[in-house]
Amino acid sequence: MGKHVTVSAKIPKELREEIRALKINPSKVIREALENEVKKKKIEKLLRELENMKNLLTQPDETVKLIRESRDER
């Protein structure tokens, strides 16, 4: 991963006390949660892009038009 930065969040005092009492490593939990959220967002983005490509491929007239325009630009 390389270099690290600090990310902070304000949480209720009671939650902090529970975290300590349960011996939870907040850094690990936060890091894993953020990594999972980033993966989830990347997958969602890829799925949207695939859907856009699918729409283009299911419209042969539009696909042909885009290919011709691309060739004409060369």
PDB file of N, CA and C in Angstrom:
ATOM      1  N   MET A   1       0.815  -1.190   0.000  1.00  0.00           N
ATOM      2  CA  MET A   1       0.000   0.000   0.000  1.00  0.00           C
ATOM      3  C   MET A   1       0.861   1.258   0.000  1.00  0.00           C
ATOM      4  N   GLY A   2       1.992   1.261   0.655  1.00  0.00           N
ATOM      5  CA  GLY A   2       2.857   2.426   0.610  1.00  0.00           C
ATOM      6  C   GLY A   2       2.577   3.420   1.717  1.00  0.00           C
ATOM      7  N   LYS A   3       2.551   4.690   1.334  1.00  0.00           N
ATOM      8  CA  LYS A   3       2.357   5.764   2.310  1.00  0.00           C
ATOM      9  C   LYS A   3       0.957   5.741   2.903  1.00  0.00           C
ATOM     10  N   HIS A   4       0.860   6.207   4.117  1.00  0.00           N
ATOM     11  CA  HIS A   4      -0.432   6.249   4.809  1.00  0.00           C
ATOM     12  C   HIS A   4      -0.767   7.688   5.188  1.00  0.00           C
ATOM     13  N   VAL A   5      -2.052   7.962   5.295  1.00  0.00           N
ATOM     14  CA  VAL A   5      -2.547   9.244   5.787  1.00  0.00           C
ATOM     15  C   VAL A   5      -3.501   8.955   6.939  1.00  0.00           C
ATOM     16  N   THR A   6      -3.765   9.964   7.723  1.00  0.00           N
ATOM     17  CA  THR A   6      -4.677   9.820   8.845  1.00  0.00           C
ATOM     18  C   THR A   6      -6.063  10.312   8.454  1.00  0.00           C
ATOM     19  N   VAL A   7      -7.062   9.506   8.791  1.00  0.00           N
ATOM     20  CA  VAL A   7      -8.464   9.871   8.583  1.00  0.00           C
ATOM     21  C   VAL A   7      -9.113   9.830   9.956  1.00  0.00           C
ATOM     22  N   SER A   8      -9.872  10.852  10.288  1.00  0.00           N
ATOM     23  CA  SER A   8     -10.496  10.859  11.612  1.00  0.00           C
ATOM     24  C   SER A   8     -12.000  11.027  11.493  1.00  0.00           C
ATOM     25  N   ALA A   9     -12.677  10.606  12.555  1.00  0.00           N
ATOM     26  CA  ALA A   9     -14.132  10.744  12.611  1.00  0.00           C
ATOM     27  C   ALA A   9     -14.535  10.980  14.056  1.00  0.00           C
ATOM     28  N   LYS A  10     -15.538  11.784  14.241  1.00  0.00           N
ATOM     29  CA  LYS A  10     -16.070  12.007  15.590  1.00  0.00           C
ATOM     30  C   LYS A  10     -17.137  10.958  15.851  1.00  0.00           C
ATOM     31  N   ILE A  11     -17.035  10.342  17.024  1.00  0.00           N
ATOM     32  CA  ILE A  11     -18.020   9.340  17.426  1.00  0.00           C
ATOM     33  C   ILE A  11     -18.477   9.667  18.849  1.00  0.00           C
ATOM     34  N   PRO A  12     -19.646   9.185  19.221  1.00  0.00           N
ATOM     35  CA  PRO A  12     -20.118   9.429  20.585  1.00  0.00           C
ATOM     36  C   PRO A  12     -19.160   8.809  21.615  1.00  0.00           C
ATOM     37  N   LYS A  13     -19.050   9.477  22.741  1.00  0.00           N
ATOM     38  CA  LYS A  13     -18.161   9.024  23.811  1.00  0.00           C
ATOM     39  C   LYS A  13     -18.514   7.605  24.253  1.00  0.00           C
ATOM     40  N   GLU A  14     -19.806   7.318  24.300  1.00  0.00           N
ATOM     41  CA  GLU A  14     -20.260   5.990  24.732  1.00  0.00           C
ATOM     42  C   GLU A  14     -19.746   4.903  23.783  1.00  0.00           C
ATOM     43  N   LEU A  15     -19.737   5.216  22.496  1.00  0.00           N
ATOM     44  CA  LEU A  15     -19.244   4.251  21.515  1.00  0.00           C
ATOM     45  C   LEU A  15     -17.759   3.998  21.732  1.00  0.00           C
ATOM     46  N   ARG A  16     -17.014   5.061  21.969  1.00  0.00           N
ATOM     47  CA  ARG A  16     -15.579   4.922  22.228  1.00  0.00           C
ATOM     48  C   ARG A  16     -15.341   4.042  23.454  1.00  0.00           C
ATOM     49  N   GLU A  17     -16.141   4.228  24.475  1.00  0.00           N
ATOM     50  CA  GLU A  17     -15.998   3.406  25.681  1.00  0.00           C
ATOM     51  C   GLU A  17     -16.292   1.937  25.390  1.00  0.00           C
ATOM     52  N   GLU A  18     -17.312   1.680  24.569  1.00  0.00           N
ATOM     53  CA  GLU A  18     -17.637   0.303  24.198  1.00  0.00           C
ATOM     54  C   GLU A  18     -16.517  -0.314  23.357  1.00  0.00           C
ATOM     55  N   ILE A  19     -15.957   0.465  22.453  1.00  0.00           N
ATOM     56  CA  ILE A  19     -14.847  -0.012  21.632  1.00  0.00           C
ATOM     57  C   ILE A  19     -13.686  -0.447  22.516  1.00  0.00           C
ATOM     58  N   ARG A  20     -13.359   0.372  23.487  1.00  0.00           N
ATOM     59  CA  ARG A  20     -12.272   0.032  24.420  1.00  0.00           C
ATOM     60  C   ARG A  20     -12.620  -1.205  25.254  1.00  0.00           C
ATOM     61  N   ALA A  21     -13.840  -1.245  25.772  1.00  0.00           N
ATOM     62  CA  ALA A  21     -14.254  -2.365  26.620  1.00  0.00           C
ATOM     63  C   ALA A  21     -14.232  -3.690  25.850  1.00  0.00           C
ATOM     64  N   LEU A  22     -14.588  -3.633  24.588  1.00  0.00           N
ATOM     65  CA  LEU A  22     -14.623  -4.848  23.764  1.00  0.00           C
ATOM     66  C   LEU A  22     -13.289  -5.133  23.078  1.00  0.00           C
ATOM     67  N   LYS A  23     -12.303  -4.274  23.349  1.00  0.00           N
ATOM     68  CA  LYS A  23     -10.956  -4.422  22.777  1.00  0.00           C
ATOM     69  C   LYS A  23     -10.996  -4.514  21.248  1.00  0.00           C
ATOM     70  N   ILE A  24     -11.769  -3.620  20.651  1.00  0.00           N
ATOM     71  CA  ILE A  24     -11.864  -3.535  19.193  1.00  0.00           C
ATOM     72  C   ILE A  24     -10.766  -2.606  18.709  1.00  0.00           C
ATOM     73  N   ASN A  25     -10.102  -3.002  17.639  1.00  0.00           N
ATOM     74  CA  ASN A  25      -9.068  -2.165  17.024  1.00  0.00           C
ATOM     75  C   ASN A  25      -9.758  -1.263  16.006  1.00  0.00           C
ATOM     76  N   PRO A  26     -10.051  -0.010  16.372  1.00  0.00           N
ATOM     77  CA  PRO A  26     -10.818   0.858  15.462  1.00  0.00           C
ATOM     78  C   PRO A  26     -10.084   1.134  14.144  1.00  0.00           C
ATOM     79  N   SER A  27      -8.775   1.231  14.181  1.00  0.00           N
ATOM     80  CA  SER A  27      -8.032   1.481  12.946  1.00  0.00           C
ATOM     81  C   SER A  27      -8.261   0.361  11.946  1.00  0.00           C
ATOM     82  N   LYS A  28      -8.177  -0.870  12.422  1.00  0.00           N
ATOM     83  CA  LYS A  28      -8.374  -2.021  11.539  1.00  0.00           C
ATOM     84  C   LYS A  28      -9.801  -2.043  10.984  1.00  0.00           C
ATOM     85  N   VAL A  29     -10.776  -1.814  11.860  1.00  0.00           N
ATOM     86  CA  VAL A  29     -12.184  -1.855  11.441  1.00  0.00           C
ATOM     87  C   VAL A  29     -12.463  -0.755  10.411  1.00  0.00           C
ATOM     88  N   ILE A  30     -11.983   0.445  10.677  1.00  0.00           N
ATOM     89  CA  ILE A  30     -12.209   1.571   9.760  1.00  0.00           C
ATOM     90  C   ILE A  30     -11.514   1.316   8.426  1.00  0.00           C
ATOM     91  N   ARG A  31     -10.261   0.856   8.480  1.00  0.00           N
ATOM     92  CA  ARG A  31      -9.505   0.582   7.258  1.00  0.00           C
ATOM     93  C   ARG A  31     -10.236  -0.453   6.399  1.00  0.00           C
ATOM     94  N   GLU A  32     -10.673  -1.545   7.007  1.00  0.00           N
ATOM     95  CA  GLU A  32     -11.375  -2.600   6.266  1.00  0.00           C
ATOM     96  C   GLU A  32     -12.696  -2.088   5.700  1.00  0.00           C
ATOM     97  N   ALA A  33     -13.417  -1.301   6.494  1.00  0.00           N
ATOM     98  CA  ALA A  33     -14.695  -0.758   6.030  1.00  0.00           C
ATOM     99  C   ALA A  33     -14.491   0.163   4.829  1.00  0.00           C
ATOM    100  N   LEU A  34     -13.467   1.008   4.892  1.00  0.00           N
ATOM    101  CA  LEU A  34     -13.196   1.916   3.777  1.00  0.00           C
ATOM    102  C   LEU A  34     -12.730   1.153   2.541  1.00  0.00           C
ATOM    103  N   GLU A  35     -11.894   0.138   2.726  1.00  0.00           N
ATOM    104  CA  GLU A  35     -11.451  -0.679   1.598  1.00  0.00           C
ATOM    105  C   GLU A  35     -12.644  -1.374   0.938  1.00  0.00           C
ATOM    106  N   ASN A  36     -13.552  -1.903   1.744  1.00  0.00           N
ATOM    107  CA  ASN A  36     -14.748  -2.568   1.211  1.00  0.00           C
ATOM    108  C   ASN A  36     -15.642  -1.587   0.467  1.00  0.00           C
ATOM    109  N   GLU A  37     -15.789  -0.391   1.009  1.00  0.00           N
ATOM    110  CA  GLU A  37     -16.634   0.624   0.357  1.00  0.00           C
ATOM    111  C   GLU A  37     -16.038   1.039  -0.982  1.00  0.00           C
ATOM    112  N   VAL A  38     -14.715   1.185  -1.034  1.00  0.00           N
ATOM    113  CA  VAL A  38     -14.053   1.548  -2.293  1.00  0.00           C
ATOM    114  C   VAL A  38     -14.266   0.440  -3.326  1.00  0.00           C
ATOM    115  N   LYS A  39     -14.089  -0.816  -2.921  1.00  0.00           N
ATOM    116  CA  LYS A  39     -14.317  -1.946  -3.838  1.00  0.00           C
ATOM    117  C   LYS A  39     -15.749  -1.932  -4.353  1.00  0.00           C
ATOM    118  N   LYS A  40     -16.697  -1.710  -3.441  1.00  0.00           N
ATOM    119  CA  LYS A  40     -18.122  -1.691  -3.807  1.00  0.00           C
ATOM    120  C   LYS A  40     -18.407  -0.598  -4.831  1.00  0.00           C
ATOM    121  N   LYS A  41     -17.857   0.601  -4.603  1.00  0.00           N
ATOM    122  CA  LYS A  41     -18.087   1.724  -5.515  1.00  0.00           C
ATOM    123  C   LYS A  41     -17.439   1.464  -6.880  1.00  0.00           C
ATOM    124  N   LYS A  42     -16.253   0.840  -6.891  1.00  0.00           N
ATOM    125  CA  LYS A  42     -15.596   0.515  -8.159  1.00  0.00           C
ATOM    126  C   LYS A  42     -16.428  -0.486  -8.957  1.00  0.00           C
ATOM    127  N   ILE A  43     -16.965  -1.476  -8.272  1.00  0.00           N
ATOM    128  CA  ILE A  43     -17.808  -2.473  -8.942  1.00  0.00           C
ATOM    129  C   ILE A  43     -19.060  -1.812  -9.497  1.00  0.00           C
ATOM    130  N   GLU A  44     -19.684  -0.933  -8.713  1.00  0.00           N
ATOM    131  CA  GLU A  44     -20.879  -0.226  -9.189  1.00  0.00           C
ATOM    132  C   GLU A  44     -20.558   0.603 -10.436  1.00  0.00           C
ATOM    133  N   LYS A  45     -19.413   1.270 -10.433  1.00  0.00           N
ATOM    134  CA  LYS A  45     -19.007   2.076 -11.578  1.00  0.00           C
ATOM    135  C   LYS A  45     -18.801   1.193 -12.807  1.00  0.00           C
ATOM    136  N   LEU A  46     -18.122   0.073 -12.633  1.00  0.00           N
ATOM    137  CA  LEU A  46     -17.899  -0.843 -13.748  1.00  0.00           C
ATOM    138  C   LEU A  46     -19.216  -1.387 -14.298  1.00  0.00           C
ATOM    139  N   LEU A  47     -20.134  -1.705 -13.405  1.00  0.00           N
ATOM    140  CA  LEU A  47     -21.439  -2.216 -13.852  1.00  0.00           C
ATOM    141  C   LEU A  47     -22.201  -1.165 -14.661  1.00  0.00           C
ATOM    142  N   ARG A  48     -22.107   0.111 -14.235  1.00  0.00           N
ATOM    143  CA  ARG A  48     -22.754   1.182 -15.000  1.00  0.00           C
ATOM    144  C   ARG A  48     -22.119   1.309 -16.375  1.00  0.00           C
ATOM    145  N   GLU A  49     -20.778   1.239 -16.424  1.00  0.00           N
ATOM    146  CA  GLU A  49     -20.083   1.332 -17.703  1.00  0.00           C
ATOM    147  C   GLU A  49     -20.438   0.157 -18.612  1.00  0.00           C
ATOM    148  N   LEU A  50     -20.530  -1.035 -18.035  1.00  0.00           N
ATOM    149  CA  LEU A  50     -20.927  -2.207 -18.823  1.00  0.00           C
ATOM    150  C   LEU A  50     -22.344  -2.054 -19.361  1.00  0.00           C
ATOM    151  N   GLU A  51     -23.214  -1.510 -18.542  1.00  0.00           N
ATOM    152  CA  GLU A  51     -24.597  -1.294 -18.985  1.00  0.00           C
ATOM    153  C   GLU A  51     -24.631  -0.322 -20.156  1.00  0.00           C
ATOM    154  N   ASN A  52     -23.816   0.734 -20.087  1.00  0.00           N
ATOM    155  CA  ASN A  52     -23.742   1.687 -21.194  1.00  0.00           C
ATOM    156  C   ASN A  52     -23.230   1.013 -22.456  1.00  0.00           C
ATOM    157  N   MET A  53     -22.203   0.174 -22.321  1.00  0.00           N
ATOM    158  CA  MET A  53     -21.664  -0.545 -23.479  1.00  0.00           C
ATOM    159  C   MET A  53     -22.693  -1.505 -24.045  1.00  0.00           C
ATOM    160  N   LYS A  54     -23.404  -2.165 -23.154  1.00  0.00           N
ATOM    161  CA  LYS A  54     -24.443  -3.109 -23.581  1.00  0.00           C
ATOM    162  C   LYS A  54     -25.502  -2.380 -24.402  1.00  0.00           C
ATOM    163  N   ASN A  55     -25.877  -1.194 -23.929  1.00  0.00           N
ATOM    164  CA  ASN A  55     -26.878  -0.421 -24.661  1.00  0.00           C
ATOM    165  C   ASN A  55     -26.383  -0.047 -26.049  1.00  0.00           C
ATOM    166  N   LEU A  56     -25.112   0.309 -26.147  1.00  0.00           N
ATOM    167  CA  LEU A  56     -24.553   0.637 -27.459  1.00  0.00           C
ATOM    168  C   LEU A  56     -24.527  -0.578 -28.374  1.00  0.00           C
ATOM    169  N   LEU A  57     -24.143  -1.718 -27.821  1.00  0.00           N
ATOM    170  CA  LEU A  57     -24.027  -2.925 -28.628  1.00  0.00           C
ATOM    171  C   LEU A  57     -25.385  -3.475 -29.057  1.00  0.00           C
ATOM    172  N   THR A  58     -26.419  -3.161 -28.313  1.00  0.00           N
ATOM    173  CA  THR A  58     -27.750  -3.651 -28.684  1.00  0.00           C
ATOM    174  C   THR A  58     -28.449  -2.694 -29.634  1.00  0.00           C
ATOM    175  N   GLN A  59     -27.750  -1.596 -29.989  1.00  0.00           N
ATOM    176  CA  GLN A  59     -28.273  -0.637 -30.959  1.00  0.00           C
ATOM    177  C   GLN A  59     -27.298  -0.581 -32.137  1.00  0.00           C
ATOM    178  N   PRO A  60     -27.392  -1.554 -33.050  1.00  0.00           N
ATOM    179  CA  PRO A  60     -26.404  -1.639 -34.121  1.00  0.00           C
ATOM    180  C   PRO A  60     -26.292  -0.360 -34.952  1.00  0.00           C
ATOM    181  N   ASP A  61     -27.389   0.326 -35.217  1.00  0.00           N
ATOM    182  CA  ASP A  61     -27.323   1.553 -36.012  1.00  0.00           C
ATOM    183  C   ASP A  61     -26.456   2.605 -35.333  1.00  0.00           C
ATOM    184  N   GLU A  62     -26.630   2.748 -34.041  1.00  0.00           N
ATOM    185  CA  GLU A  62     -25.847   3.726 -33.283  1.00  0.00           C
ATOM    186  C   GLU A  62     -24.376   3.317 -33.239  1.00  0.00           C
ATOM    187  N   THR A  63     -24.123   2.012 -33.079  1.00  0.00           N
ATOM    188  CA  THR A  63     -22.752   1.519 -33.041  1.00  0.00           C
ATOM    189  C   THR A  63     -22.042   1.792 -34.361  1.00  0.00           C
ATOM    190  N   VAL A  64     -22.709   1.510 -35.462  1.00  0.00           N
ATOM    191  CA  VAL A  64     -22.131   1.755 -36.782  1.00  0.00           C
ATOM    192  C   VAL A  64     -21.842   3.245 -36.954  1.00  0.00           C
ATOM    193  N   LYS A  65     -22.756   4.080 -36.536  1.00  0.00           N
ATOM    194  CA  LYS A  65     -22.574   5.529 -36.639  1.00  0.00           C
ATOM    195  C   LYS A  65     -21.342   5.978 -35.864  1.00  0.00           C
ATOM    196  N   LEU A  66     -21.189   5.481 -34.622  1.00  0.00           N
ATOM    197  CA  LEU A  66     -20.046   5.863 -33.797  1.00  0.00           C
ATOM    198  C   LEU A  66     -18.727   5.386 -34.406  1.00  0.00           C
ATOM    199  N   ILE A  67     -18.721   4.185 -34.973  1.00  0.00           N
ATOM    200  CA  ILE A  67     -17.510   3.668 -35.614  1.00  0.00           C
ATOM    201  C   ILE A  67     -17.146   4.520 -36.816  1.00  0.00           C
ATOM    202  N   ARG A  68     -18.124   4.868 -37.623  1.00  0.00           N
ATOM    203  CA  ARG A  68     -17.855   5.706 -38.793  1.00  0.00           C
ATOM    204  C   ARG A  68     -17.327   7.083 -38.395  1.00  0.00           C
ATOM    205  N   GLU A  69     -17.925   7.663 -37.370  1.00  0.00           N
ATOM    206  CA  GLU A  69     -17.454   8.973 -36.888  1.00  0.00           C
ATOM    207  C   GLU A  69     -16.018   8.875 -36.392  1.00  0.00           C
ATOM    208  N   SER A  70     -15.716   7.793 -35.697  1.00  0.00           N
ATOM    209  CA  SER A  70     -14.364   7.610 -35.191  1.00  0.00           C
ATOM    210  C   SER A  70     -13.371   7.470 -36.327  1.00  0.00           C
ATOM    211  N   ARG A  71     -13.730   6.739 -37.357  1.00  0.00           N
ATOM    212  CA  ARG A  71     -12.856   6.549 -38.516  1.00  0.00           C
ATOM    213  C   ARG A  71     -12.669   7.857 -39.278  1.00  0.00           C
ATOM    214  N   ASP A  72     -13.735   8.629 -39.387  1.00  0.00           N
ATOM    215  CA  ASP A  72     -13.658   9.914 -40.111  1.00  0.00           C
ATOM    216  C   ASP A  72     -12.749  10.914 -39.401  1.00  0.00           C
ATOM    217  N   GLU A  73     -12.640  10.784 -38.075  1.00  0.00           N
ATOM    218  CA  GLU A  73     -11.801  11.701 -37.304  1.00  0.00           C
ATOM    219  C   GLU A  73     -10.316  11.437 -37.532  1.00  0.00           C
ATOM    220  N   ARG A  74      -9.973  10.268 -38.015  1.00  0.00           N
ATOM    221  CA  ARG A  74      -8.547   9.912 -38.210  1.00  0.00           C
ATOM    222  C   ARG A  74      -7.946  10.610 -39.362  1.00  0.00           C
TER     223      ARG A  74
END
